[in-house]
Amino acid sequence: MSHAVAIGSARLINETGLHARPSVKLTQLAKAFHGHVELAVSPDGPWINAKSPVKVMSFQAEMGVSLYFRATGDGASDAVAAMVALVERNFDEGTL
């Protein structure tokens, strides 16, 4: 297993924040990657497991907050890039 670490961020533009539907999409995407994927609202943390639906749904991030992603292991860069892209696409919930 690789010890690669990748970090990225994206601004949350969803009007209702990180509510149930985006949380599920985010965790499903995180689970598609082998390594550890984490989420925070500050580059210093605290970090939560982005693969845990319960933790992500209870995160309560509001519109305008920057979401930070950190991934370790094989595919870390791809995981962070995919997570950032999902947020930037507004979780595929319509136009911006």
C-alpha atoms as a PDB file:
ATOM      1  CA  MET A   1       0.000   0.000   0.000  1.00  0.00           C
ATOM      2  CA  SER A   2       1.211   3.464  -0.870  1.00  0.00           C
ATOM      3  CA  HIS A   3       1.688   6.140   1.787  1.00  0.00           C
ATOM      4  CA  ALA A   4       0.754   8.896  -0.641  1.00  0.00           C
ATOM      5  CA  VAL A   5      -1.244  11.783   0.820  1.00  0.00           C
ATOM      6  CA  ALA A   6      -3.386  14.184  -1.206  1.00  0.00           C
ATOM      7  CA  ILE A   7      -5.293  17.246  -0.011  1.00  0.00           C
ATOM      8  CA  GLY A   8      -7.780  19.461  -1.820  1.00  0.00           C
ATOM      9  CA  SER A   9     -10.729  21.741  -1.172  1.00  0.00           C
ATOM     10  CA  ALA A  10     -13.879  23.087  -2.767  1.00  0.00           C
ATOM     11  CA  ARG A  11     -16.452  25.670  -1.719  1.00  0.00           C
ATOM     12  CA  LEU A  12     -19.890  24.279  -0.859  1.00  0.00           C
ATOM     13  CA  ILE A  13     -22.368  25.991  -3.198  1.00  0.00           C
ATOM     14  CA  ASN A  14     -25.446  23.909  -2.404  1.00  0.00           C
ATOM     15  CA  GLU A  15     -28.084  26.266  -0.948  1.00  0.00           C
ATOM     16  CA  THR A  16     -29.075  23.795   1.760  1.00  0.00           C
ATOM     17  CA  GLY A  17     -25.505  22.825   2.588  1.00  0.00           C
ATOM     18  CA  LEU A  18     -24.345  19.274   3.032  1.00  0.00           C
ATOM     19  CA  HIS A  19     -27.798  17.758   3.556  1.00  0.00           C
ATOM     20  CA  ALA A  20     -28.828  14.104   3.196  1.00  0.00           C
ATOM     21  CA  ARG A  21     -28.701  13.624  -0.601  1.00  0.00           C
ATOM     22  CA  PRO A  22     -25.272  15.248  -1.119  1.00  0.00           C
ATOM     23  CA  SER A  23     -23.950  13.419   1.955  1.00  0.00           C
ATOM     24  CA  VAL A  24     -24.954  10.075   0.460  1.00  0.00           C
ATOM     25  CA  LYS A  25     -23.379  10.948  -2.903  1.00  0.00           C
ATOM     26  CA  LEU A  26     -20.197  12.037  -1.176  1.00  0.00           C
ATOM     27  CA  THR A  27     -19.890   8.867   0.927  1.00  0.00           C
ATOM     28  CA  GLN A  28     -20.675   6.610  -2.038  1.00  0.00           C
ATOM     29  CA  LEU A  29     -17.922   8.279  -4.035  1.00  0.00           C
ATOM     30  CA  ALA A  30     -15.452   8.044  -1.137  1.00  0.00           C
ATOM     31  CA  LYS A  31     -16.189   4.316  -0.801  1.00  0.00           C
ATOM     32  CA  ALA A  32     -15.211   3.829  -4.458  1.00  0.00           C
ATOM     33  CA  PHE A  33     -11.580   4.442  -3.476  1.00  0.00           C
ATOM     34  CA  HIS A  34      -9.308   1.979  -1.710  1.00  0.00           C
ATOM     35  CA  GLY A  35      -7.475   4.386   0.566  1.00  0.00           C
ATOM     36  CA  HIS A  36      -8.629   6.388   3.555  1.00  0.00           C
ATOM     37  CA  VAL A  37     -10.685   9.497   2.628  1.00  0.00           C
ATOM     38  CA  GLU A  38     -11.414  12.242   5.148  1.00  0.00           C
ATOM     39  CA  LEU A  39     -13.405  15.471   5.245  1.00  0.00           C
ATOM     40  CA  ALA A  40     -13.062  18.702   7.270  1.00  0.00           C
ATOM     41  CA  VAL A  41     -14.148  22.359   7.183  1.00  0.00           C
ATOM     42  CA  SER A  42     -10.655  23.540   8.109  1.00  0.00           C
ATOM     43  CA  PRO A  43      -7.299  22.462   6.687  1.00  0.00           C
ATOM     44  CA  ASP A  44      -6.286  21.721  10.295  1.00  0.00           C
ATOM     45  CA  GLY A  45      -9.330  19.475  10.966  1.00  0.00           C
ATOM     46  CA  PRO A  46     -10.913  17.975  12.855  1.00  0.00           C
ATOM     47  CA  TRP A  47     -11.143  15.318  10.153  1.00  0.00           C
ATOM     48  CA  ILE A  48     -13.982  12.816   9.795  1.00  0.00           C
ATOM     49  CA  ASN A  49     -14.208   9.591   7.805  1.00  0.00           C
ATOM     50  CA  ALA A  50     -15.780  10.555   4.440  1.00  0.00           C
ATOM     51  CA  LYS A  51     -16.883   6.929   3.964  1.00  0.00           C
ATOM     52  CA  SER A  52     -19.212   7.072   6.991  1.00  0.00           C
ATOM     53  CA  PRO A  53     -22.744   8.214   6.030  1.00  0.00           C
ATOM     54  CA  VAL A  54     -23.632   8.912   9.668  1.00  0.00           C
ATOM     55  CA  LYS A  55     -20.558  11.080  10.256  1.00  0.00           C
ATOM     56  CA  VAL A  56     -20.943  12.989   6.997  1.00  0.00           C
ATOM     57  CA  MET A  57     -24.680  13.628   7.541  1.00  0.00           C
ATOM     58  CA  SER A  58     -24.018  14.902  11.047  1.00  0.00           C
ATOM     59  CA  PHE A  59     -21.253  17.182   9.740  1.00  0.00           C
ATOM     60  CA  GLN A  60     -23.739  20.013   9.107  1.00  0.00           C
ATOM     61  CA  ALA A  61     -21.644  22.075   6.704  1.00  0.00           C
ATOM     62  CA  GLU A  62     -23.514  25.124   5.418  1.00  0.00           C
ATOM     63  CA  MET A  63     -23.439  26.860   2.042  1.00  0.00           C
ATOM     64  CA  GLY A  64     -20.290  28.914   1.513  1.00  0.00           C
ATOM     65  CA  VAL A  65     -18.064  26.732   3.688  1.00  0.00           C
ATOM     66  CA  SER A  66     -14.935  25.265   2.143  1.00  0.00           C
ATOM     67  CA  LEU A  67     -14.823  21.495   2.362  1.00  0.00           C
ATOM     68  CA  TYR A  68     -11.349  20.026   2.690  1.00  0.00           C
ATOM     69  CA  PHE A  69     -10.543  16.509   1.560  1.00  0.00           C
ATOM     70  CA  ARG A  70      -7.564  14.408   2.572  1.00  0.00           C
ATOM     71  CA  ALA A  71      -6.832  10.968   1.215  1.00  0.00           C
ATOM     72  CA  THR A  72      -4.046   8.502   1.889  1.00  0.00           C
ATOM     73  CA  GLY A  73      -3.007   5.311   0.174  1.00  0.00           C
ATOM     74  CA  ASP A  74      -3.313   4.055  -3.360  1.00  0.00           C
ATOM     75  CA  GLY A  75      -5.319   6.413  -5.538  1.00  0.00           C
ATOM     76  CA  ALA A  76      -5.165   9.279  -3.023  1.00  0.00           C
ATOM     77  CA  SER A  77      -4.823  11.969  -5.707  1.00  0.00           C
ATOM     78  CA  ASP A  78      -7.674  10.504  -7.750  1.00  0.00           C
ATOM     79  CA  ALA A  79      -9.897  10.323  -4.657  1.00  0.00           C
ATOM     80  CA  VAL A  80      -9.341  13.959  -3.731  1.00  0.00           C
ATOM     81  CA  ALA A  81      -9.795  15.112  -7.340  1.00  0.00           C
ATOM     82  CA  ALA A  82     -13.090  13.201  -7.586  1.00  0.00           C
ATOM     83  CA  MET A  83     -14.389  14.552  -4.270  1.00  0.00           C
ATOM     84  CA  VAL A  84     -13.522  18.143  -5.202  1.00  0.00           C
ATOM     85  CA  ALA A  85     -15.141  17.721  -8.631  1.00  0.00           C
ATOM     86  CA  LEU A  86     -18.349  16.375  -7.050  1.00  0.00           C
ATOM     87  CA  VAL A  87     -18.640  19.420  -4.782  1.00  0.00           C
ATOM     88  CA  GLU A  88     -17.806  21.792  -7.645  1.00  0.00           C
ATOM     89  CA  ARG A  89     -20.592  20.130  -9.714  1.00  0.00           C
ATOM     90  CA  ASN A  90     -22.999  20.833  -6.825  1.00  0.00           C
ATOM     91  CA  PHE A  91     -23.386  17.078  -6.273  1.00  0.00           C
ATOM     92  CA  ASP A  92     -25.010  16.841  -9.728  1.00  0.00           C
ATOM     93  CA  GLU A  93     -28.133  18.523  -8.331  1.00  0.00           C
ATOM     94  CA  GLY A  94     -28.885  20.838 -11.221  1.00  0.00           C
ATOM     95  CA  THR A  95     -27.398  24.034 -12.526  1.00  0.00           C
ATOM     96  CA  LEU A  96     -25.225  26.413 -10.538  1.00  0.00           C
END
